[in-house]
Amino acid sequence: MSRNFELMQNLGKERDVLSNPSDPAAAVLPDSMPEEFPPVEVKPPQLAMESSQRDEVLKLAQRVFLSGPDAARGIVVSSVEPGSGSTWICSRLAETLASQVSASVCLVDGNLRSPGLHREFGVATGMGLAESLQSAEPARKLVVGLNRSNLWLLRAGTNPEQSQNLIGSERMRWRLAELRKEFDYVLVDAAPLVAGDDCAMLGRGTDGVVLVLKANSSKRDAARKAVQDLANANVRVLGAVLNQRTFPIPEKIYRKL
């Protein structure tokens, strides 16, 4: 299936479908830079981007992270349903951001239900977020370097299911705050909203959520409900991406979805 996608703002849908009046969370600015992290063997990314994809990812990076004083420093990327490609979007967004700035960028695999960020970069499984939620050791000791000098990954861990119930814990909020102090930008990949409250719980520790919708699958009512649920949880929706489209959807057709 095509990996093409586009920002819903470009289609004129976001203001209508994904309105969210909640105020943005205050950004936690980093006060320290990470030291040298353990090297890891990284294979080339498994999913190269076409030129049109690169353009759209760059627009997303600029809009979310590089758009002025209110730009985000920490976000969650999630979807309404499984199979929408949110892990792919999160990975490519982090890569693109790291290519545009000299600041440090950290990916966090917060999808302890079905981890996937490590596969996007050809990295083996290993200790990560799950272990950090059950240990007092600094999370930075579990971060591994990726294919750019300013890009790092905190994997889900070796037994992520054992820490699933800690996603909404005070320890998780503390870990997110810790990572946001260590890195300039933090991007968290979260489980789909239909799987539970993971996205909302993680979103409260960041500046907001980027929601990924699947073309020809995600329904308008489901998207609106997802946004309302996040708003009720005091989580800001920063934008939406329509993923896996094969052609632009005309307005009159989209309104019937």
C-alpha atoms as a PDB file:
ATOM      1  CA  MET A   1       0.000   0.000   0.000  1.00  0.00           C
ATOM      2  CA  SER A   2       1.190   3.490  -0.757  1.00  0.00           C
ATOM      3  CA  ARG A   3       2.930   5.351   2.024  1.00  0.00           C
ATOM      4  CA  ASN A   4       1.906   8.728   0.634  1.00  0.00           C
ATOM      5  CA  PHE A   5       0.280  11.071   3.080  1.00  0.00           C
ATOM      6  CA  GLU A   6      -0.542  14.716   3.485  1.00  0.00           C
ATOM      7  CA  LEU A   7      -1.269  17.147   6.267  1.00  0.00           C
ATOM      8  CA  MET A   8      -4.983  17.561   6.693  1.00  0.00           C
ATOM      9  CA  GLN A   9      -4.407  21.300   6.981  1.00  0.00           C
ATOM     10  CA  ASN A  10      -3.464  21.279   3.296  1.00  0.00           C
ATOM     11  CA  LEU A  11      -6.840  19.756   2.473  1.00  0.00           C
ATOM     12  CA  GLY A  12      -8.705  22.305   4.567  1.00  0.00           C
ATOM     13  CA  LYS A  13     -10.030  19.627   6.930  1.00  0.00           C
ATOM     14  CA  GLU A  14      -8.193  20.091  10.179  1.00  0.00           C
ATOM     15  CA  ARG A  15     -10.038  23.116  11.525  1.00  0.00           C
ATOM     16  CA  ASP A  16     -13.350  21.355  10.895  1.00  0.00           C
ATOM     17  CA  VAL A  17     -12.533  17.791  11.883  1.00  0.00           C
ATOM     18  CA  LEU A  18      -9.889  18.293  14.547  1.00  0.00           C
ATOM     19  CA  SER A  19     -10.814  21.469  16.391  1.00  0.00           C
ATOM     20  CA  ASN A  20      -9.425  21.513  19.932  1.00  0.00           C
ATOM     21  CA  PRO A  21      -9.701  24.657  22.065  1.00  0.00           C
ATOM     22  CA  SER A  22      -7.484  23.442  24.889  1.00  0.00           C
ATOM     23  CA  ASP A  23      -4.463  25.528  25.741  1.00  0.00           C
ATOM     24  CA  PRO A  24      -1.010  24.197  24.841  1.00  0.00           C
ATOM     25  CA  ALA A  25       0.991  22.658  27.631  1.00  0.00           C
ATOM     26  CA  ALA A  26       3.987  24.638  28.776  1.00  0.00           C
ATOM     27  CA  ALA A  27       7.179  23.381  27.156  1.00  0.00           C
ATOM     28  CA  VAL A  28       9.931  22.113  29.421  1.00  0.00           C
ATOM     29  CA  LEU A  29      13.065  23.606  27.975  1.00  0.00           C
ATOM     30  CA  PRO A  30      16.208  21.467  28.236  1.00  0.00           C
ATOM     31  CA  ASP A  31      18.857  22.633  30.672  1.00  0.00           C
ATOM     32  CA  SER A  32      21.521  20.079  29.837  1.00  0.00           C
ATOM     33  CA  MET A  33      22.889  18.307  26.796  1.00  0.00           C
ATOM     34  CA  PRO A  34      23.382  14.539  26.706  1.00  0.00           C
ATOM     35  CA  GLU A  35      26.844  13.096  26.985  1.00  0.00           C
ATOM     36  CA  GLU A  36      28.150  10.384  24.676  1.00  0.00           C
ATOM     37  CA  PHE A  37      25.651   7.526  24.413  1.00  0.00           C
ATOM     38  CA  PRO A  38      26.506   3.859  23.866  1.00  0.00           C
ATOM     39  CA  PRO A  39      27.123   3.075  20.189  1.00  0.00           C
ATOM     40  CA  VAL A  40      24.758   0.653  18.500  1.00  0.00           C
ATOM     41  CA  GLU A  41      24.919  -1.034  15.137  1.00  0.00           C
ATOM     42  CA  VAL A  42      22.312   0.662  12.978  1.00  0.00           C
ATOM     43  CA  LYS A  43      21.306  -0.548   9.550  1.00  0.00           C
ATOM     44  CA  PRO A  44      19.939   1.905   6.950  1.00  0.00           C
ATOM     45  CA  PRO A  45      16.278   2.770   7.562  1.00  0.00           C
ATOM     46  CA  GLN A  46      14.043   0.110   6.062  1.00  0.00           C
ATOM     47  CA  LEU A  47      11.580   2.575   4.550  1.00  0.00           C
ATOM     48  CA  ALA A  48      13.143   5.218   2.321  1.00  0.00           C
ATOM     49  CA  MET A  49      11.030   8.229   1.466  1.00  0.00           C
ATOM     50  CA  GLU A  50      10.014   9.464  -1.939  1.00  0.00           C
ATOM     51  CA  SER A  51      10.427  13.162  -2.730  1.00  0.00           C
ATOM     52  CA  SER A  52       6.727  13.887  -2.144  1.00  0.00           C
ATOM     53  CA  GLN A  53       6.894  12.117   1.205  1.00  0.00           C
ATOM     54  CA  ARG A  54       9.976  14.079   2.232  1.00  0.00           C
ATOM     55  CA  ASP A  55       8.203  17.331   1.377  1.00  0.00           C
ATOM     56  CA  GLU A  56       5.199  16.441   3.522  1.00  0.00           C
ATOM     57  CA  VAL A  57       7.298  15.255   6.472  1.00  0.00           C
ATOM     58  CA  LEU A  58       9.323  18.463   6.285  1.00  0.00           C
ATOM     59  CA  LYS A  59       6.124  20.532   6.341  1.00  0.00           C
ATOM     60  CA  LEU A  60       4.971  18.599   9.389  1.00  0.00           C
ATOM     61  CA  ALA A  61       8.321  19.104  11.162  1.00  0.00           C
ATOM     62  CA  GLN A  62       8.318  22.822  10.412  1.00  0.00           C
ATOM     63  CA  ARG A  63       4.741  23.277  11.519  1.00  0.00           C
ATOM     64  CA  VAL A  64       5.014  21.336  14.785  1.00  0.00           C
ATOM     65  CA  PHE A  65       8.580  22.063  15.907  1.00  0.00           C
ATOM     66  CA  LEU A  66       9.892  25.105  14.040  1.00  0.00           C
ATOM     67  CA  SER A  67       6.972  27.506  13.897  1.00  0.00           C
ATOM     68  CA  GLY A  68       7.890  30.172  16.427  1.00  0.00           C
ATOM     69  CA  PRO A  69       7.864  30.675  20.206  1.00  0.00           C
ATOM     70  CA  ASP A  70       4.925  28.283  20.730  1.00  0.00           C
ATOM     71  CA  ALA A  71       6.567  25.445  18.798  1.00  0.00           C
ATOM     72  CA  ALA A  72       6.518  22.047  20.481  1.00  0.00           C
ATOM     73  CA  ARG A  73       9.548  20.406  22.078  1.00  0.00           C
ATOM     74  CA  GLY A  74       7.916  17.142  23.062  1.00  0.00           C
ATOM     75  CA  ILE A  75       5.083  15.344  21.249  1.00  0.00           C
ATOM     76  CA  VAL A  76       3.237  12.049  21.060  1.00  0.00           C
ATOM     77  CA  VAL A  77       2.442  10.467  17.694  1.00  0.00           C
ATOM     78  CA  SER A  78      -0.535   8.122  17.710  1.00  0.00           C
ATOM     79  CA  SER A  79      -3.447   6.940  15.589  1.00  0.00           C
ATOM     80  CA  VAL A  80      -7.119   6.216  15.933  1.00  0.00           C
ATOM     81  CA  GLU A  81      -6.694   2.565  14.944  1.00  0.00           C
ATOM     82  CA  PRO A  82      -3.916   0.023  14.330  1.00  0.00           C
ATOM     83  CA  GLY A  83      -2.257  -0.125  10.922  1.00  0.00           C
ATOM     84  CA  SER A  84      -2.385   3.620  10.271  1.00  0.00           C
ATOM     85  CA  GLY A  85       1.403   3.965  10.014  1.00  0.00           C
ATOM     86  CA  SER A  86       1.955   6.191  13.046  1.00  0.00           C
ATOM     87  CA  THR A  87       5.254   4.457  13.892  1.00  0.00           C
ATOM     88  CA  TRP A  88       6.521   5.102  10.352  1.00  0.00           C
ATOM     89  CA  ILE A  89       5.419   8.753  10.558  1.00  0.00           C
ATOM     90  CA  CYS A  90       7.043   9.185  13.971  1.00  0.00           C
ATOM     91  CA  SER A  91      10.343   7.702  12.744  1.00  0.00           C
ATOM     92  CA  ARG A  92      10.524   9.766   9.571  1.00  0.00           C
ATOM     93  CA  LEU A  93       9.465  12.916  11.425  1.00  0.00           C
ATOM     94  CA  ALA A  94      12.303  12.475  13.919  1.00  0.00           C
ATOM     95  CA  GLU A  95      14.828  11.828  11.139  1.00  0.00           C
ATOM     96  CA  THR A  96      13.695  14.904   9.246  1.00  0.00           C
ATOM     97  CA  LEU A  97      13.765  17.105  12.326  1.00  0.00           C
ATOM     98  CA  ALA A  98      17.272  15.891  13.189  1.00  0.00           C
ATOM     99  CA  SER A  99      18.391  16.799   9.656  1.00  0.00           C
ATOM    100  CA  GLN A 100      17.064  20.354  10.033  1.00  0.00           C
ATOM    101  CA  VAL A 101      18.524  21.245  13.434  1.00  0.00           C
ATOM    102  CA  SER A 102      21.767  20.750  15.308  1.00  0.00           C
ATOM    103  CA  ALA A 103      19.815  20.170  18.527  1.00  0.00           C
ATOM    104  CA  SER A 104      19.376  16.713  20.036  1.00  0.00           C
ATOM    105  CA  VAL A 105      16.351  14.588  19.090  1.00  0.00           C
ATOM    106  CA  CYS A 106      15.187  11.514  21.012  1.00  0.00           C
ATOM    107  CA  LEU A 107      12.621   8.941  19.898  1.00  0.00           C
ATOM    108  CA  VAL A 108      10.802   7.039  22.643  1.00  0.00           C
ATOM    109  CA  ASP A 109       8.935   3.809  21.973  1.00  0.00           C
ATOM    110  CA  GLY A 110       5.953   4.304  24.237  1.00  0.00           C
ATOM    111  CA  ASN A 111       3.920   1.600  22.519  1.00  0.00           C
ATOM    112  CA  LEU A 112       4.581  -1.129  25.054  1.00  0.00           C
ATOM    113  CA  ARG A 113       1.658  -3.087  23.622  1.00  0.00           C
ATOM    114  CA  SER A 114       3.299  -3.540  20.205  1.00  0.00           C
ATOM    115  CA  PRO A 115       6.764  -1.920  19.934  1.00  0.00           C
ATOM    116  CA  GLY A 116       8.041  -1.069  16.472  1.00  0.00           C
ATOM    117  CA  LEU A 117      10.453   1.888  16.455  1.00  0.00           C
ATOM    118  CA  HIS A 118      13.538  -0.334  16.692  1.00  0.00           C
ATOM    119  CA  ARG A 119      12.553  -2.126  13.467  1.00  0.00           C
ATOM    120  CA  GLU A 120      12.273   1.161  11.574  1.00  0.00           C
ATOM    121  CA  PHE A 121      15.995   1.701  12.146  1.00  0.00           C
ATOM    122  CA  GLY A 122      17.186  -1.896  11.962  1.00  0.00           C
ATOM    123  CA  VAL A 123      18.088  -1.954  15.649  1.00  0.00           C
ATOM    124  CA  ALA A 124      17.878  -5.097  17.761  1.00  0.00           C
ATOM    125  CA  THR A 125      15.588  -5.194  20.773  1.00  0.00           C
ATOM    126  CA  GLY A 126      17.198  -4.297  24.065  1.00  0.00           C
ATOM    127  CA  MET A 127      16.696  -2.628  27.409  1.00  0.00           C
ATOM    128  CA  GLY A 128      14.678   0.564  27.254  1.00  0.00           C
ATOM    129  CA  LEU A 129      11.560   2.277  28.573  1.00  0.00           C
ATOM    130  CA  ALA A 130      10.156  -0.800  30.314  1.00  0.00           C
ATOM    131  CA  GLU A 131      13.314  -1.202  32.391  1.00  0.00           C
ATOM    132  CA  SER A 132      13.513   2.526  33.129  1.00  0.00           C
ATOM    133  CA  LEU A 133      10.008   2.409  34.619  1.00  0.00           C
ATOM    134  CA  GLN A 134      11.121  -0.243  37.099  1.00  0.00           C
ATOM    135  CA  SER A 135      14.520   1.186  37.953  1.00  0.00           C
ATOM    136  CA  ALA A 136      16.023   4.309  39.481  1.00  0.00           C
ATOM    137  CA  GLU A 137      18.839   4.359  36.908  1.00  0.00           C
ATOM    138  CA  PRO A 138      18.871   7.404  34.578  1.00  0.00           C
ATOM    139  CA  ALA A 139      16.962   6.748  31.368  1.00  0.00           C
ATOM    140  CA  ARG A 140      19.860   8.227  29.392  1.00  0.00           C
ATOM    141  CA  LYS A 141      21.870   5.087  30.129  1.00  0.00           C
ATOM    142  CA  LEU A 142      19.398   3.095  28.036  1.00  0.00           C
ATOM    143  CA  VAL A 143      19.348   5.423  25.016  1.00  0.00           C
ATOM    144  CA  VAL A 144      21.152   4.311  21.837  1.00  0.00           C
ATOM    145  CA  GLY A 145      22.475   6.419  18.977  1.00  0.00           C
ATOM    146  CA  LEU A 146      20.913   6.105  15.530  1.00  0.00           C
ATOM    147  CA  ASN A 147      21.907   7.092  12.005  1.00  0.00           C
ATOM    148  CA  ARG A 148      22.520  10.770  12.728  1.00  0.00           C
ATOM    149  CA  SER A 149      24.854  12.245  15.300  1.00  0.00           C
ATOM    150  CA  ASN A 150      21.979  14.095  16.998  1.00  0.00           C
ATOM    151  CA  LEU A 151      19.336  11.344  16.870  1.00  0.00           C
ATOM    152  CA  TRP A 152      18.748   8.776  19.630  1.00  0.00           C
ATOM    153  CA  LEU A 153      16.256   6.067  20.540  1.00  0.00           C
ATOM    154  CA  LEU A 154      14.852   4.763  23.809  1.00  0.00           C
ATOM    155  CA  ARG A 155      13.545   1.324  22.871  1.00  0.00           C
ATOM    156  CA  ALA A 156      10.451  -0.224  24.450  1.00  0.00           C
ATOM    157  CA  GLY A 157      12.534  -2.718  26.404  1.00  0.00           C
ATOM    158  CA  THR A 158      13.037  -6.451  26.588  1.00  0.00           C
ATOM    159  CA  ASN A 159       9.746  -7.257  28.354  1.00  0.00           C
ATOM    160  CA  PRO A 160       7.542  -4.249  27.640  1.00  0.00           C
ATOM    161  CA  GLU A 161       4.274  -5.959  28.556  1.00  0.00           C
ATOM    162  CA  GLN A 162       5.459  -6.185  32.167  1.00  0.00           C
ATOM    163  CA  SER A 163       5.524  -2.382  32.401  1.00  0.00           C
ATOM    164  CA  GLN A 164       2.346  -1.638  30.430  1.00  0.00           C
ATOM    165  CA  ASN A 165       0.430  -0.747  33.589  1.00  0.00           C
ATOM    166  CA  LEU A 166       3.042   1.925  34.402  1.00  0.00           C
ATOM    167  CA  ILE A 167       2.362   4.089  31.339  1.00  0.00           C
ATOM    168  CA  GLY A 168       0.053   6.297  33.391  1.00  0.00           C
ATOM    169  CA  SER A 169       2.205   6.281  36.511  1.00  0.00           C
ATOM    170  CA  GLU A 170       4.073   9.102  38.212  1.00  0.00           C
ATOM    171  CA  ARG A 171       7.303   7.298  37.254  1.00  0.00           C
ATOM    172  CA  MET A 172       6.359   7.631  33.555  1.00  0.00           C
ATOM    173  CA  ARG A 173       5.695  11.357  33.940  1.00  0.00           C
ATOM    174  CA  TRP A 174       8.987  11.723  35.734  1.00  0.00           C
ATOM    175  CA  ARG A 175      10.812   9.853  32.951  1.00  0.00           C
ATOM    176  CA  LEU A 176       9.296  12.089  30.286  1.00  0.00           C
ATOM    177  CA  ALA A 177      10.361  15.186  32.213  1.00  0.00           C
ATOM    178  CA  GLU A 178      13.841  13.697  32.579  1.00  0.00           C
ATOM    179  CA  LEU A 179      14.142  13.041  28.848  1.00  0.00           C
ATOM    180  CA  ARG A 180      12.902  16.522  27.998  1.00  0.00           C
ATOM    181  CA  LYS A 181      15.680  17.966  30.136  1.00  0.00           C
ATOM    182  CA  GLU A 182      18.303  15.764  28.482  1.00  0.00           C
ATOM    183  CA  PHE A 183      17.180  16.339  24.888  1.00  0.00           C
ATOM    184  CA  ASP A 184      15.995  19.353  22.943  1.00  0.00           C
ATOM    185  CA  TYR A 185      13.214  17.395  21.220  1.00  0.00           C
ATOM    186  CA  VAL A 186      11.366  14.242  22.322  1.00  0.00           C
ATOM    187  CA  LEU A 187       8.993  12.266  20.079  1.00  0.00           C
ATOM    188  CA  VAL A 188       6.981   9.441  21.643  1.00  0.00           C
ATOM    189  CA  ASP A 189       5.340   6.721  19.566  1.00  0.00           C
ATOM    190  CA  ALA A 190       2.146   5.610  21.342  1.00  0.00           C
ATOM    191  CA  ALA A 191      -0.352   2.790  20.953  1.00  0.00           C
ATOM    192  CA  PRO A 192      -3.538   3.537  18.957  1.00  0.00           C
ATOM    193  CA  LEU A 193      -6.334   5.242  20.843  1.00  0.00           C
ATOM    194  CA  VAL A 194      -8.626   2.231  20.452  1.00  0.00           C
ATOM    195  CA  ALA A 195      -6.135   0.173  22.471  1.00  0.00           C
ATOM    196  CA  GLY A 196      -6.567   2.221  25.650  1.00  0.00           C
ATOM    197  CA  ASP A 197      -5.639   5.462  27.371  1.00  0.00           C
ATOM    198  CA  ASP A 198      -1.894   5.284  26.656  1.00  0.00           C
ATOM    199  CA  CYS A 199      -1.905   8.203  24.204  1.00  0.00           C
ATOM    200  CA  ALA A 200      -3.774  10.520  26.584  1.00  0.00           C
ATOM    201  CA  MET A 201      -1.588   9.580  29.543  1.00  0.00           C
ATOM    202  CA  LEU A 202       1.616  10.144  27.553  1.00  0.00           C
ATOM    203  CA  GLY A 203       0.211  13.286  25.977  1.00  0.00           C
ATOM    204  CA  ARG A 204      -0.175  14.949  29.375  1.00  0.00           C
ATOM    205  CA  GLY A 205       3.594  14.802  29.754  1.00  0.00           C
ATOM    206  CA  THR A 206       4.273  16.482  26.391  1.00  0.00           C
ATOM    207  CA  ASP A 207       3.122  19.508  24.397  1.00  0.00           C
ATOM    208  CA  GLY A 208       0.472  17.532  22.544  1.00  0.00           C
ATOM    209  CA  VAL A 209      -0.408  14.804  20.071  1.00  0.00           C
ATOM    210  CA  VAL A 210      -0.035  14.431  16.310  1.00  0.00           C
ATOM    211  CA  LEU A 211      -2.859  12.175  15.193  1.00  0.00           C
ATOM    212  CA  VAL A 212      -2.386   9.839  12.214  1.00  0.00           C
ATOM    213  CA  LEU A 213      -5.476   8.867  10.228  1.00  0.00           C
ATOM    214  CA  LYS A 214      -5.590   6.074   7.680  1.00  0.00           C
ATOM    215  CA  ALA A 215      -7.009   6.941   4.261  1.00  0.00           C
ATOM    216  CA  ASN A 216     -10.068   4.910   3.280  1.00  0.00           C
ATOM    217  CA  SER A 217     -10.277   3.518   6.804  1.00  0.00           C
ATOM    218  CA  SER A 218     -10.416   6.116   9.602  1.00  0.00           C
ATOM    219  CA  LYS A 219     -13.930   7.535   9.824  1.00  0.00           C
ATOM    220  CA  ARG A 220     -14.763  11.172  10.426  1.00  0.00           C
ATOM    221  CA  ASP A 221     -16.840  10.417  13.538  1.00  0.00           C
ATOM    222  CA  ALA A 222     -14.076   8.240  14.999  1.00  0.00           C
ATOM    223  CA  ALA A 223     -11.530  10.993  14.429  1.00  0.00           C
ATOM    224  CA  ARG A 224     -13.760  13.581  16.074  1.00  0.00           C
ATOM    225  CA  LYS A 225     -14.367  11.300  19.055  1.00  0.00           C
ATOM    226  CA  ALA A 226     -10.622  10.715  19.408  1.00  0.00           C
ATOM    227  CA  VAL A 227      -9.975  14.456  19.450  1.00  0.00           C
ATOM    228  CA  GLN A 228     -12.768  15.048  21.956  1.00  0.00           C
ATOM    229  CA  ASP A 229     -11.425  12.287  24.215  1.00  0.00           C
ATOM    230  CA  LEU A 230      -7.985  13.899  24.131  1.00  0.00           C
ATOM    231  CA  ALA A 231      -9.473  17.326  24.839  1.00  0.00           C
ATOM    232  CA  ASN A 232     -11.365  15.873  27.811  1.00  0.00           C
ATOM    233  CA  ALA A 233      -8.032  14.555  29.076  1.00  0.00           C
ATOM    234  CA  ASN A 234      -6.521  18.057  28.695  1.00  0.00           C
ATOM    235  CA  VAL A 235      -4.278  16.911  25.858  1.00  0.00           C
ATOM    236  CA  ARG A 236      -3.754  19.239  22.908  1.00  0.00           C
ATOM    237  CA  VAL A 237      -4.019  17.923  19.339  1.00  0.00           C
ATOM    238  CA  LEU A 238      -1.231  19.629  17.386  1.00  0.00           C
ATOM    239  CA  GLY A 239      -2.380  18.410  13.984  1.00  0.00           C
ATOM    240  CA  ALA A 240      -3.351  15.435  11.898  1.00  0.00           C
ATOM    241  CA  VAL A 241      -1.852  13.450   9.055  1.00  0.00           C
ATOM    242  CA  LEU A 242      -3.839  11.534   6.464  1.00  0.00           C
ATOM    243  CA  ASN A 243      -1.637   8.530   5.756  1.00  0.00           C
ATOM    244  CA  GLN A 244      -1.519   5.764   3.139  1.00  0.00           C
ATOM    245  CA  ARG A 245      -3.538   7.691   0.588  1.00  0.00           C
ATOM    246  CA  THR A 246      -3.231   6.869  -3.100  1.00  0.00           C
ATOM    247  CA  PHE A 247      -4.758  10.122  -4.370  1.00  0.00           C
ATOM    248  CA  PRO A 248      -6.076  13.400  -2.900  1.00  0.00           C
ATOM    249  CA  ILE A 249      -9.611  13.086  -1.570  1.00  0.00           C
ATOM    250  CA  PRO A 250     -12.037  15.717  -2.905  1.00  0.00           C
ATOM    251  CA  GLU A 251     -13.925  17.674  -0.270  1.00  0.00           C
ATOM    252  CA  LYS A 252     -17.378  16.408  -1.315  1.00  0.00           C
ATOM    253  CA  ILE A 253     -16.220  12.791  -1.013  1.00  0.00           C
ATOM    254  CA  TYR A 254     -14.382  13.319   2.276  1.00  0.00           C
ATOM    255  CA  ARG A 255     -17.513  14.746   3.886  1.00  0.00           C
ATOM    256  CA  LYS A 256     -19.235  11.393   3.314  1.00  0.00           C
ATOM    257  CA  LEU A 257     -16.595   9.413   5.233  1.00  0.00           C
END
